[in-house]
Protein backbone atom coordinates (compact mmCIF):
# COMPACT_ATOMS: atom_id res chain seq x y z
CA VAL A 1 29.19 32.29 7.11
CA ASP A 2 27.12 29.30 8.14
CA GLY A 3 24.91 28.59 5.11
CA GLY A 4 23.02 25.76 6.78
CA THR A 5 23.46 23.37 3.84
CA LYS A 6 25.70 20.38 3.21
CA THR A 7 27.38 22.29 0.39
CA SER A 8 28.31 25.24 2.60
CA ASP A 9 29.45 22.84 5.34
CA ALA A 10 31.73 21.03 2.87
CA LEU A 11 33.21 24.33 1.65
CA ALA A 12 33.78 25.54 5.21
CA GLN A 13 35.55 22.29 6.03
CA ALA A 14 37.75 22.45 2.90
CA TYR A 15 38.60 26.18 3.24
CA PRO A 16 38.47 27.13 6.92
CA GLN A 17 38.37 30.89 7.48
CA GLU A 18 37.36 33.24 10.24
CA ALA A 19 33.60 33.73 10.23
CA ILE A 20 32.21 37.13 9.27
CA THR A 21 28.88 38.77 9.99
CA PRO A 22 27.14 39.83 6.76
CA SER A 23 24.81 42.79 6.63
CA ALA A 24 22.30 40.80 4.53
CA ILE A 25 21.96 37.18 3.64
CA VAL A 26 19.74 35.14 1.29
CA PRO A 27 19.66 31.45 2.30
CA PHE A 28 19.61 28.75 -0.33
CA ALA A 29 16.21 27.69 -1.67
CA SER A 30 15.52 24.98 -4.24
CA VAL A 31 13.20 27.34 -6.14
CA ARG A 32 15.93 29.99 -6.61
CA ARG A 33 18.89 27.56 -6.72
CA TRP A 34 21.29 30.15 -5.33
CA SER A 35 22.29 31.79 -2.05
CA GLY A 36 24.08 35.04 -1.35
CA MET A 37 25.22 37.61 1.15
CA VAL A 38 26.22 41.25 1.36
CA ALA A 39 29.27 42.23 3.45
CA ASP A 40 30.30 45.84 4.08
CA ALA A 41 32.66 45.62 7.03
CA GLY A 42 36.42 44.99 7.28
CA ASP A 43 38.40 43.67 4.34
CA THR A 44 35.44 41.71 2.96
CA LYS A 45 33.16 44.08 1.08
CA GLY A 46 30.75 43.39 -1.74
CA THR A 47 28.00 41.02 -2.81
CA PHE A 48 28.83 37.31 -2.97
CA VAL A 49 26.63 34.72 -4.66
CA LEU A 50 26.90 30.94 -4.96
CA GLY A 51 24.51 28.86 -7.06
CA ALA A 52 23.66 26.86 -10.14
CA PRO A 53 25.54 28.10 -13.25
CA GLU A 54 22.38 28.45 -15.34
CA MET A 55 20.97 30.87 -12.73
CA LEU A 56 24.08 33.06 -12.37
CA LEU A 57 25.44 33.14 -15.94
CA PRO A 58 22.78 35.61 -17.25
CA LYS A 59 23.77 38.08 -14.52
CA LEU A 60 27.52 38.07 -15.27
CA ALA A 61 29.16 41.12 -16.84
CA LYS A 62 31.62 38.87 -18.70
CA ALA A 63 31.37 35.18 -19.63
CA PRO A 64 33.64 32.96 -17.52
CA ARG A 65 35.95 30.18 -18.69
CA ASP A 66 33.90 27.27 -20.04
CA GLN A 67 33.19 24.32 -17.81
CA ASP A 68 35.16 21.13 -18.29
CA ALA A 69 32.90 18.79 -20.29
CA SER A 70 34.08 15.81 -18.26
CA TRP A 71 32.69 17.22 -15.01
CA LYS A 72 29.09 16.24 -15.78
CA GLU A 73 30.17 12.91 -17.25
CA GLN A 74 31.93 12.10 -13.97
CA GLY A 75 28.83 13.00 -11.95
CA LEU A 76 30.46 16.05 -10.37
CA ARG A 77 28.27 18.83 -9.01
CA VAL A 78 29.26 22.19 -10.49
CA LEU A 79 28.53 25.53 -8.81
CA LEU A 80 29.50 29.03 -9.82
CA PHE A 81 30.82 31.53 -7.29
CA ALA A 82 30.44 35.18 -8.35
CA TRP A 83 30.72 38.56 -6.68
CA CYS A 84 30.27 42.28 -7.19
CA PRO A 85 32.61 44.85 -5.58
CA ASP A 86 29.72 47.15 -4.87
CA ALA A 87 27.21 46.32 -2.18
CA PRO A 88 23.76 46.44 -3.72
CA THR A 89 20.80 44.89 -2.06
CA LEU A 90 19.82 41.28 -2.77
CA THR A 91 16.10 42.03 -2.61
CA GLY A 92 13.80 43.56 -5.18
CA ALA A 93 11.15 46.21 -4.82
CA ASP A 94 8.63 43.62 -3.64
CA GLY A 95 11.04 42.32 -0.98
CA ASP A 96 11.75 39.01 -2.73
CA PRO A 97 15.37 37.90 -3.25
CA VAL A 98 16.79 38.92 -6.64
CA LEU A 99 20.22 38.55 -8.25
CA PRO A 100 22.03 41.84 -9.03
CA ASP A 101 23.39 42.58 -12.50
CA GLY A 102 27.07 43.02 -13.25
CA LEU A 103 28.40 40.06 -11.29
CA GLU A 104 31.96 38.88 -11.87
CA ALA A 105 32.77 35.16 -11.96
CA ALA A 106 35.25 34.26 -9.26
CA CYS A 107 35.60 30.50 -9.70
CA TRP A 108 33.94 27.22 -10.50
CA ILE A 109 33.31 25.00 -7.49
CA VAL A 110 33.28 21.28 -8.26
CA LEU A 111 31.98 18.82 -5.68
CA ARG A 112 32.02 15.06 -5.69
CA ASP A 113 29.25 13.18 -3.86
CA GLU A 114 30.48 10.20 -1.89
CA LEU A 115 28.59 7.01 -2.70
CA ARG A 116 27.53 5.10 0.37
CA PRO A 117 29.11 1.71 1.01
CA HIS A 118 27.17 -1.33 -0.24
CA LEU A 119 25.01 0.98 -2.37
CA ARG A 120 25.05 -1.34 -5.38
CA GLU A 121 23.92 -4.28 -3.22
CA THR A 122 21.12 -2.13 -1.82
CA LEU A 123 19.95 -1.16 -5.32
CA ASN A 124 19.98 -4.82 -6.40
CA ALA A 125 17.93 -5.71 -3.32
CA PHE A 126 15.34 -3.08 -4.28
CA GLU A 127 15.13 -4.57 -7.77
CA ASP A 128 14.75 -8.08 -6.36
CA VAL A 129 11.63 -7.13 -4.40
CA GLY A 130 10.06 -5.45 -7.45
CA ILE A 131 10.60 -1.79 -6.49
CA THR A 132 11.19 0.72 -9.29
CA LEU A 133 13.61 3.50 -8.32
CA LYS A 134 13.44 7.08 -9.58
CA ILE A 135 15.78 9.91 -8.62
CA ILE A 136 14.33 13.39 -8.10
CA SER A 137 16.96 16.03 -7.48
CA GLY A 138 17.49 19.76 -7.58
CA ASP A 139 20.87 19.33 -9.29
CA ASN A 140 21.67 19.25 -12.99
CA PRO A 141 19.94 16.20 -14.54
CA GLU A 142 23.02 15.16 -16.56
CA THR A 143 25.16 15.24 -13.42
CA VAL A 144 22.60 13.26 -11.43
CA ARG A 145 22.25 10.70 -14.22
CA ALA A 146 26.03 10.16 -14.38
CA LEU A 147 26.14 9.73 -10.61
CA ALA A 148 23.22 7.30 -10.78
CA VAL A 149 25.04 5.17 -13.37
CA GLN A 150 28.08 5.08 -11.07
CA ALA A 151 25.81 3.91 -8.26
CA GLY A 152 24.46 1.01 -10.31
CA PHE A 153 21.60 2.34 -12.40
CA PRO A 154 21.43 1.15 -16.05
CA ALA A 155 23.60 3.10 -18.47
CA ASP A 156 20.57 3.89 -20.63
CA SER A 157 18.61 5.54 -17.79
CA THR A 158 16.61 8.46 -19.12
CA HIS A 159 16.69 11.94 -17.60
CA ILE A 160 14.76 15.20 -17.86
CA ALA A 161 15.04 18.71 -16.46
CA GLY A 162 12.29 20.41 -14.52
CA ASP A 163 11.80 23.23 -17.04
CA GLU A 164 11.09 20.58 -19.73
CA LEU A 165 8.71 18.56 -17.55
CA ASP A 166 6.72 21.34 -15.88
CA PRO A 167 4.86 22.60 -19.02
CA LEU A 168 3.50 19.10 -19.77
CA GLN A 169 -0.04 18.32 -18.72
CA GLY A 170 -2.35 15.32 -18.42
CA ALA A 171 -1.41 12.12 -20.26
CA ASP A 172 1.81 13.64 -21.66
CA PHE A 173 3.01 14.44 -18.15
CA ASP A 174 2.06 10.96 -16.86
CA GLU A 175 3.80 9.24 -19.79
CA LYS A 176 7.00 11.24 -19.31
CA VAL A 177 7.05 10.61 -15.55
CA GLY A 178 6.50 6.90 -16.05
CA SER A 179 9.29 6.51 -18.62
CA THR A 180 11.92 8.71 -16.94
CA THR A 181 14.38 7.54 -14.29
CA VAL A 182 16.28 10.72 -13.35
CA PHE A 183 14.63 14.10 -12.75
CA GLY A 184 16.86 17.15 -12.31
CA ARG A 185 16.26 20.78 -11.37
CA ILE A 186 12.92 19.83 -9.81
CA SER A 187 11.03 22.32 -7.63
CA PRO A 188 9.05 21.23 -4.54
CA HIS A 189 5.76 21.81 -6.38
CA LEU A 190 6.93 19.67 -9.32
CA LYS A 191 8.02 16.90 -6.93
CA GLU A 192 4.48 16.82 -5.59
CA ARG A 193 3.09 16.60 -9.14
CA ILE A 194 5.40 13.67 -9.93
CA VAL A 195 4.25 11.76 -6.84
CA ASP A 196 0.62 12.51 -7.67
CA SER A 197 1.09 11.26 -11.24
CA LEU A 198 2.65 7.99 -10.12
CA GLN A 199 -0.17 7.41 -7.62
CA GLY A 200 -2.77 8.18 -10.27
CA ASN A 201 -1.33 5.40 -12.43
CA GLY A 202 -1.75 2.80 -9.70
CA HIS A 203 1.71 2.91 -8.11
CA TYR A 204 2.32 2.77 -4.36
CA VAL A 205 4.83 5.57 -3.85
CA ALA A 206 7.52 5.81 -1.17
CA MET A 207 9.37 9.14 -1.12
CA THR A 208 12.76 9.75 0.51
CA GLY A 209 13.99 13.23 1.42
CA ASP A 210 16.04 15.24 3.88
CA GLY A 211 15.26 18.92 3.29
CA VAL A 212 12.37 21.27 3.89
CA ASN A 213 11.69 21.31 0.15
CA ASP A 214 10.80 17.59 0.38
CA VAL A 215 8.01 18.06 2.93
CA LEU A 216 5.18 18.43 0.38
CA SER A 217 6.12 15.32 -1.58
CA LEU A 218 6.71 13.30 1.61
CA LYS A 219 3.21 14.15 2.82
CA LYS A 220 1.76 13.33 -0.61
CA ALA A 221 3.41 9.90 -0.86
CA GLN A 222 1.87 6.83 0.74
CA LEU A 223 5.14 6.24 2.59
CA GLY A 224 7.38 9.12 3.65
CA ILE A 225 11.01 8.30 4.50
CA ALA A 226 13.33 10.89 6.05
CA MET A 227 17.06 10.86 6.72
CA GLU A 228 18.22 11.12 10.30
CA SER A 229 20.42 14.08 9.32
CA GLY A 230 17.49 15.78 7.59
CA SER A 231 15.56 18.79 8.79
CA GLU A 232 13.22 18.58 11.75
CA ALA A 233 10.22 19.38 9.54
CA THR A 234 11.08 16.47 7.23
CA ARG A 235 11.44 14.02 10.11
CA GLY A 236 8.18 15.29 11.55
CA VAL A 237 6.06 14.38 8.50
CA ALA A 238 7.88 11.13 7.65
CA ASP A 239 6.59 7.65 8.45
CA ILE A 240 10.11 6.20 8.68
CA VAL A 241 13.38 7.84 9.74
CA LEU A 242 16.57 6.17 8.52
CA LEU A 243 19.10 5.94 11.35
CA ARG A 244 22.64 6.89 10.29
CA ASP A 245 21.08 7.81 6.90
CA SER A 246 21.47 4.18 5.84
CA PHE A 247 19.27 2.69 3.11
CA SER A 248 20.43 -0.86 3.80
CA ALA A 249 17.48 -1.60 6.09
CA LEU A 250 14.85 -0.56 3.53
CA PRO A 251 15.03 -3.56 1.15
CA VAL A 252 14.60 -5.96 4.07
CA ALA A 253 11.68 -3.91 5.41
CA PHE A 254 10.03 -3.72 1.99
CA GLN A 255 10.59 -7.44 1.44
CA GLU A 256 8.87 -8.27 4.71
CA GLY A 257 6.09 -5.83 3.88
CA GLN A 258 5.59 -7.47 0.49
CA ARG A 259 5.43 -10.88 2.15
CA ILE A 260 2.79 -9.70 4.63
CA ARG A 261 0.86 -8.06 1.77
CA GLN A 262 0.93 -11.26 -0.28
CA GLY A 263 -0.23 -13.32 2.71
CA LEU A 264 -3.12 -10.97 3.43
CA LYS A 265 -4.10 -10.82 -0.23
CA GLY A 266 -4.17 -14.62 -0.56
CA THR A 267 -6.10 -15.04 2.68
CA LEU A 268 -8.68 -12.45 1.62
CA ALA A 269 -9.07 -14.13 -1.77
CA ILE A 270 -9.88 -17.53 -0.22
CA PHE A 271 -12.14 -16.03 2.43
CA LEU A 272 -14.14 -13.82 0.05
CA ALA A 273 -14.53 -16.63 -2.49
CA ARG A 274 -15.99 -18.91 0.17
CA VAL A 275 -18.31 -16.26 1.62
CA PHE A 276 -19.80 -15.16 -1.71
CA THR A 277 -20.06 -18.71 -3.05
CA VAL A 278 -21.99 -19.87 0.02
CA ALA A 279 -24.21 -16.77 -0.13
CA ILE A 280 -25.13 -17.39 -3.79
CA ILE A 281 -25.86 -21.07 -3.14
CA ILE A 282 -28.12 -20.24 -0.20
CA GLY A 283 -29.96 -17.71 -2.37
CA LEU A 284 -30.44 -20.27 -5.17
CA THR A 285 -31.72 -22.95 -2.79
CA ALA A 286 -34.16 -20.46 -1.30
CA TYR A 287 -35.39 -19.50 -4.77
CA PHE A 288 -35.96 -23.13 -5.81
CA ARG A 289 -37.27 -24.01 -2.33
CA PHE A 290 -34.78 -26.81 -1.77
CA ALA A 291 -33.74 -27.86 1.71
CA PHE A 292 -31.25 -25.52 3.38
CA PRO A 293 -27.88 -26.58 1.92
CA PHE A 294 -25.76 -26.55 5.07
CA LEU A 295 -25.83 -27.78 8.65
CA PRO A 296 -23.65 -26.14 11.33
CA GLY A 297 -21.31 -29.12 11.28
CA HIS A 298 -20.93 -28.85 7.52
CA MET A 299 -19.99 -25.18 7.76
CA THR A 300 -17.43 -26.01 10.45
CA VAL A 301 -15.75 -28.59 8.21
CA LEU A 302 -15.92 -26.30 5.18
CA THR A 303 -14.44 -23.34 7.04
CA ALA A 304 -11.67 -25.34 8.72
CA LEU A 305 -10.53 -27.23 5.61
CA THR A 306 -10.73 -24.39 3.06
CA VAL A 307 -10.08 -21.23 5.09
CA GLY A 308 -8.78 -22.00 8.56
CA ILE A 309 -5.83 -24.32 7.93
CA PRO A 310 -4.85 -23.51 4.29
CA THR A 311 -4.77 -19.74 4.84
CA MET A 312 -2.35 -20.26 7.73
CA ALA A 313 -0.02 -21.93 5.22
CA ILE A 314 -0.60 -19.13 2.68
CA ALA A 315 0.35 -16.47 5.25
CA LEU A 316 3.26 -18.49 6.68
CA PHE A 317 4.84 -19.34 3.33
CA ALA A 318 3.90 -16.14 1.47
CA PRO A 319 6.56 -15.03 -1.04
CA SER A 320 8.08 -11.56 -1.04
CA HIS A 321 7.08 -11.04 -4.67
CA GLY A 322 3.80 -11.29 -6.53
CA ALA A 323 1.35 -9.53 -8.79
CA THR A 324 1.84 -5.76 -8.64
CA GLY A 325 -0.80 -3.06 -8.74
CA SER A 326 -3.93 -2.49 -6.72
CA PRO A 327 -4.82 -5.38 -4.35
CA VAL A 328 -8.51 -4.48 -4.71
CA LYS A 329 -8.37 -4.91 -8.50
CA TRP A 330 -6.49 -8.18 -8.10
CA LEU A 331 -9.13 -9.46 -5.67
CA VAL A 332 -11.93 -8.52 -8.07
CA LYS A 333 -10.20 -10.34 -10.94
CA PHE A 334 -9.59 -13.41 -8.77
CA VAL A 335 -12.79 -13.67 -6.76
CA THR A 336 -15.41 -12.85 -9.42
CA PRO A 337 -14.74 -15.80 -11.80
CA ALA A 338 -14.06 -18.16 -8.90
CA VAL A 339 -17.37 -17.31 -7.23
CA LEU A 340 -19.53 -17.37 -10.36
CA PHE A 341 -18.06 -20.64 -11.69
CA GLY A 342 -17.84 -22.24 -8.27
CA ALA A 343 -21.35 -21.36 -7.10
CA SER A 344 -22.90 -22.47 -10.41
CA ALA A 345 -21.07 -25.80 -10.55
CA ALA A 346 -21.60 -26.58 -6.87
CA PHE A 347 -25.32 -25.76 -6.98
CA LEU A 348 -25.84 -27.90 -10.09
CA MET A 349 -24.27 -30.88 -8.33
CA TYR A 350 -26.32 -30.19 -5.20
CA ALA A 351 -29.57 -29.93 -7.19
CA PHE A 352 -28.76 -33.11 -9.14
CA VAL A 353 -28.16 -35.20 -6.01
CA TYR A 354 -31.03 -33.57 -4.15
CA VAL A 355 -33.54 -34.34 -6.88
CA GLN A 356 -32.16 -37.81 -7.64
CA HIS A 357 -31.71 -39.04 -4.08
CA ASP A 358 -33.44 -36.82 -1.56
CA LEU A 359 -36.79 -36.50 -3.37
CA SER A 360 -39.10 -39.37 -4.41
CA LEU A 361 -41.25 -37.55 -6.94
CA ARG A 362 -42.56 -40.73 -8.55
CA ASN A 363 -44.35 -41.71 -5.34
CA LEU A 364 -45.91 -38.31 -4.81
CA HIS A 365 -49.22 -36.90 -5.94
CA PRO A 366 -49.01 -33.46 -7.61
CA ALA A 367 -50.45 -31.76 -4.56
CA GLU A 368 -47.64 -33.17 -2.46
CA ILE A 369 -44.75 -31.85 -4.60
CA VAL A 370 -44.60 -28.59 -2.66
CA SER A 371 -44.20 -30.43 0.60
CA ALA A 372 -41.48 -32.53 -1.00
CA PHE A 373 -39.46 -29.41 -1.78
CA LEU A 374 -39.88 -28.36 1.83
CA PHE A 375 -38.39 -31.71 2.85
CA ASN A 376 -35.76 -31.15 5.53
CA ASN A 377 -33.85 -33.66 7.63
CA ASP A 378 -30.32 -34.58 8.56
CA GLU A 379 -30.07 -37.32 5.89
CA VAL A 380 -30.02 -35.01 2.85
CA LEU A 381 -27.10 -36.35 0.77
CA GLY A 382 -27.20 -33.21 -1.37
CA ARG A 383 -25.76 -31.35 1.59
CA ASP A 384 -22.90 -33.83 1.99
CA THR A 385 -22.23 -33.70 -1.74
CA LEU A 386 -22.22 -29.90 -1.71
CA THR A 387 -19.87 -29.81 1.29
CA LEU A 388 -17.35 -32.10 -0.43
CA VAL A 389 -17.54 -30.13 -3.70
CA LEU A 390 -16.96 -26.80 -1.94
CA VAL A 391 -14.07 -28.25 0.07
CA LEU A 392 -12.35 -29.37 -3.14
CA PHE A 393 -13.14 -26.04 -4.81
CA GLY A 394 -11.57 -24.14 -1.91
CA LEU A 395 -8.45 -26.31 -1.94
CA GLY A 396 -8.16 -25.75 -5.68
CA LEU A 397 -8.14 -21.99 -5.13
CA VAL A 398 -5.20 -22.37 -2.76
CA VAL A 399 -3.18 -23.76 -5.65
CA PHE A 400 -3.97 -20.69 -7.78
CA VAL A 401 -3.21 -18.24 -4.95
CA SER A 402 0.24 -19.80 -4.36
CA PRO A 403 1.00 -21.42 -7.72
CA PRO A 404 3.93 -23.88 -7.54
CA THR A 405 4.21 -24.27 -11.34
CA PRO A 406 4.12 -21.86 -14.29
CA TRP A 407 0.95 -23.48 -15.70
CA LEU A 408 -1.00 -22.47 -12.59
CA SER A 409 0.42 -18.92 -12.39
CA VAL A 410 -2.33 -17.12 -14.31
CA VAL A 411 -3.46 -14.66 -11.61
CA GLU A 412 -0.39 -14.73 -9.38
CA GLU A 413 3.32 -15.04 -10.08
CA ASN A 414 4.88 -18.48 -9.89
CA SER A 415 6.14 -18.92 -6.32
CA GLY A 416 7.81 -22.29 -6.91
CA ASP A 417 6.86 -23.18 -3.34
CA TRP A 418 4.98 -26.46 -2.98
CA ARG A 419 4.30 -26.13 0.75
CA PRO A 420 0.88 -24.38 0.50
CA THR A 421 -0.17 -26.93 -2.13
CA ILE A 422 0.98 -29.81 0.09
CA VAL A 423 -0.97 -28.40 3.06
CA ALA A 424 -4.06 -28.08 0.83
CA ALA A 425 -3.63 -31.68 -0.39
CA LEU A 426 -3.43 -32.94 3.20
CA MET A 427 -6.93 -31.59 3.82
CA VAL A 428 -8.35 -34.37 1.59
CA PRO A 429 -7.16 -37.27 3.82
CA LEU A 430 -8.29 -35.24 6.84
CA TYR A 431 -11.80 -35.14 5.34
CA VAL A 432 -11.57 -38.90 4.72
CA VAL A 433 -10.61 -39.45 8.36
CA ILE A 434 -13.72 -37.53 9.47
CA LEU A 435 -15.88 -39.75 7.25
CA ALA A 436 -14.10 -42.95 8.35
CA PHE A 437 -14.87 -42.56 12.06
CA PRO A 438 -18.57 -42.81 12.91
CA GLY A 439 -18.17 -40.59 15.95
CA LEU A 440 -16.62 -37.74 13.96
CA ARG A 441 -19.04 -38.28 11.09
CA GLU A 442 -22.01 -38.02 13.42
CA PHE A 443 -20.54 -35.05 15.28
CA PHE A 444 -20.24 -33.02 12.07
CA GLY A 445 -23.51 -34.33 10.60
CA LEU A 446 -21.83 -35.89 7.55
CA ASN A 447 -22.88 -38.99 5.59
CA VAL A 448 -21.02 -41.34 3.27
CA LEU A 449 -22.09 -40.77 -0.33
CA THR A 450 -23.03 -43.33 -2.94
CA TRP A 451 -19.79 -44.64 -4.48
CA TRP A 452 -20.43 -43.33 -8.01
CA LEU A 453 -20.77 -39.77 -6.74
CA TYR A 454 -17.09 -39.55 -5.78
CA PRO A 455 -15.63 -39.95 -9.33
CA LEU A 456 -18.39 -37.63 -10.60
CA ILE A 457 -17.34 -34.96 -8.11
CA VAL A 458 -13.64 -35.38 -9.00
CA VAL A 459 -14.44 -34.94 -12.71
CA GLU A 460 -16.51 -31.82 -12.00
CA VAL A 461 -13.76 -30.27 -9.88
CA ALA A 462 -11.15 -30.99 -12.57
CA ILE A 463 -13.32 -29.39 -15.28
CA TRP A 464 -13.98 -26.41 -13.01
CA MET A 465 -10.26 -25.84 -12.36
CA VAL A 466 -9.29 -26.08 -16.04
CA ALA A 467 -12.15 -23.79 -17.12
CA LEU A 468 -11.30 -21.29 -14.37
CA ARG A 469 -7.64 -21.37 -15.31
CA TYR A 470 -8.35 -20.53 -18.96
CA LEU A 471 -10.87 -17.85 -17.97
CA TRP A 472 -8.23 -16.10 -15.85
CA ALA A 473 -5.65 -16.53 -18.62
CA SER A 474 -7.98 -14.88 -21.15
CA ARG A 475 -7.91 -11.62 -19.11
CA ILE A 476 -11.58 -10.97 -19.88
CA LEU A 477 -12.10 -8.94 -16.70
CA ASP A 478 -8.95 -6.87 -17.17
CA LYS A 479 -10.59 -4.44 -19.59
CA VAL A 480 -13.35 -3.72 -17.08
CA VAL A 481 -11.32 -3.65 -13.88
CA ASP A 482 -8.45 -1.63 -15.38
CA SER A 483 -10.74 0.97 -16.93
CA LYS A 484 -11.04 4.57 -15.77
CA ALA A 485 -14.74 4.00 -15.02
CA PHE A 486 -13.87 1.26 -12.52
CA ASP A 487 -11.27 3.53 -10.91
CA ARG A 488 -13.88 6.26 -10.51
CA PHE A 489 -16.34 3.76 -9.07
CA ALA A 490 -13.71 2.46 -6.64
CA ARG A 491 -12.89 6.00 -5.51
CA ILE A 492 -16.60 6.74 -4.98
CA VAL A 493 -17.02 3.56 -2.93
CA ALA A 494 -13.92 4.39 -0.88
CA ARG A 495 -15.18 7.91 -0.29
CA VAL A 496 -18.61 6.63 0.79
CA ALA A 497 -16.94 4.11 3.10
CA ARG A 498 -14.84 6.87 4.67
CA GLU A 499 -17.92 9.04 5.17
CA ILE A 500 -19.82 6.14 6.75
CA ASP A 501 -16.87 5.42 9.02
CA ARG A 502 -16.65 9.09 9.97
CA ALA A 503 -20.41 9.16 10.67
CA PHE A 504 -20.12 6.10 12.91
CA GLN A 505 -17.22 7.72 14.70
CA VAL A 506 -19.31 10.85 15.32
CA ILE A 507 -22.28 8.76 16.45
CA GLY A 508 -20.04 6.64 18.65
CA ALA A 509 -18.47 9.73 20.17
CA GLY A 510 -21.92 11.19 20.83
CA ILE A 511 -23.18 7.97 22.41
CA GLY A 512 -20.00 7.72 24.46
CA ALA A 513 -20.37 11.29 25.70
CA ALA A 514 -24.05 10.70 26.54
CA LEU A 515 -23.25 7.50 28.44
CA LYS A 516 -20.43 9.27 30.25
CA ASP A 517 -22.79 12.10 31.22
CA MET A 518 -25.45 9.60 32.37
CA ALA A 519 -22.88 7.75 34.46
CA LYS A 520 -21.70 11.03 35.95
CA ARG A 521 -25.29 12.01 36.82
CA PHE A 522 -25.98 8.55 38.25
CA TRP A 523 -22.95 8.64 40.53
CA ALA A 524 -23.82 12.20 41.60
CA TRP A 525 -27.38 11.08 42.41
CA LEU A 526 -26.06 8.03 44.26
CA GLY A 527 -23.65 10.19 46.24
CA ALA A 528 -26.43 12.63 47.17
CA ARG A 529 -28.59 9.69 48.33
CA ARG A 530 -25.79 8.41 50.52
CA GLU A 531 -25.23 11.85 52.02
CA ALA A 532 -28.96 12.26 52.67
CA ARG A 533 -29.15 8.87 54.40
CA ALA A 534 -26.07 9.65 56.46
CA ALA A 535 -27.58 13.01 57.49
CA ALA A 536 -30.89 11.31 58.39
CA ARG A 537 -29.09 8.72 60.53
CA GLU A 538 -27.09 11.46 62.25
CA ALA A 539 -30.27 13.49 62.97
CA ALA A 540 -32.03 10.38 64.35
CA ALA A 541 -29.07 9.67 66.59
CA MET A 542 -29.12 13.23 67.90
CA ARG A 543 -32.89 13.00 68.65
CA ASN A 544 -32.40 9.74 70.52
CA ALA A 545 -29.60 11.27 72.54
CA THR A 546 -31.76 14.31 73.41
CA GLU A 547 -34.74 12.19 74.47
CA SER A 548 -32.58 9.98 76.64
């Protein structure tokens, strides 16, 4: 009988026999963990059942010979084949499949799973890119654990059975899921709970499966991966289908994905820090009624030297490893101190130079002080000072985003790659070149500062970097950002953003439909006008012909 599973296919290949047509059949299901058939024709008569020993043993009339203890230790899959000479039904009064009583054990069936070639190298590659592996199976957890150790998992890998895990709730369930490596005898519903628990604790979950019982968990996971030999339903819901059922391509794909993620995260950090810092400084200058702190040329230089060129290096040389967890939380921890410290320090320097150089309060009468604060021309050295300070601040952030040394790796893992830092350092001589050439200096609206301002700015930037480094190292924001309240707030914001996006989509669709209808009406009206004019010309021609 074709059972439609890999187990039945292996048995049919090992013991080829002429196929029979059963009068009733119960296909295998992970919830029941057994399959069976009823045959009442020819020499084969009776009820035959194949399944997990713990499911069939309670239904046996007599206990069978004990299993060999070494089977589980060797990672062998053990099934029990039982039968009953009578031919009772395999369904209960409610129509659901049910095992009959009085079964007789026929034999133990022991199967060995073949480990794929290069499996150990693949597992090591997963570990290298920071991916934690967990095995969720419908087989006996001790058997699966032994097989996992043979494949390359640590010998002390923990395991748990589904009937032990399912009763747990809340924090106990989450703790057990997080600390366990091998899960055995897991139902489809429990697989979905495991994925949901991992996601709730901040993990990005990729789920691999091949059977119909994996569909729920594949849909629940952020990344669903199906085997090419898997069921059509599984392939239909998966995001990735593994050709030839090979895992070897996954570590490379995940490594490239991690590299892209790290590049985007670093780029966003630099961009957001600059945007919010500039916004706060503009707000402070407006409050104190100073001259506007930037000219268009200044913003061009600031954007090019701190965001444009350095972020290209960050994305190009991004590592395939980095800080794990939510990118949003990481950005909050990185950007918030950088913006608050950076905006405060930069505005203080701007206000100091603006008051000391750009205002002559001693020569003003009290009534003229207001007009002095409204002073605005292209020779405001406070602007040039502020531009240089923000350029150095932005280049300093590049060093923290891609730290080349352990001392700098307080918010991101040590990359050991000096190339982003070198690119950031080259922006300083590029700024000097712009100042050195009068044509470039005039084009960007920059001015050469008083000599004593340059060492003052360098000292301020150094103090800012050291203070920022120790603030990040103190993990002050971690308690707030990693709290449940912040998670709830983030989910609310995400939900509001989705609703706003959906509203804009509805509005856009409505506007699009209205415009389409207007265009259709316009072309219909234009066509009618053309037909009317053509008919008028034809009638005029006919009148002229009649008169002539």
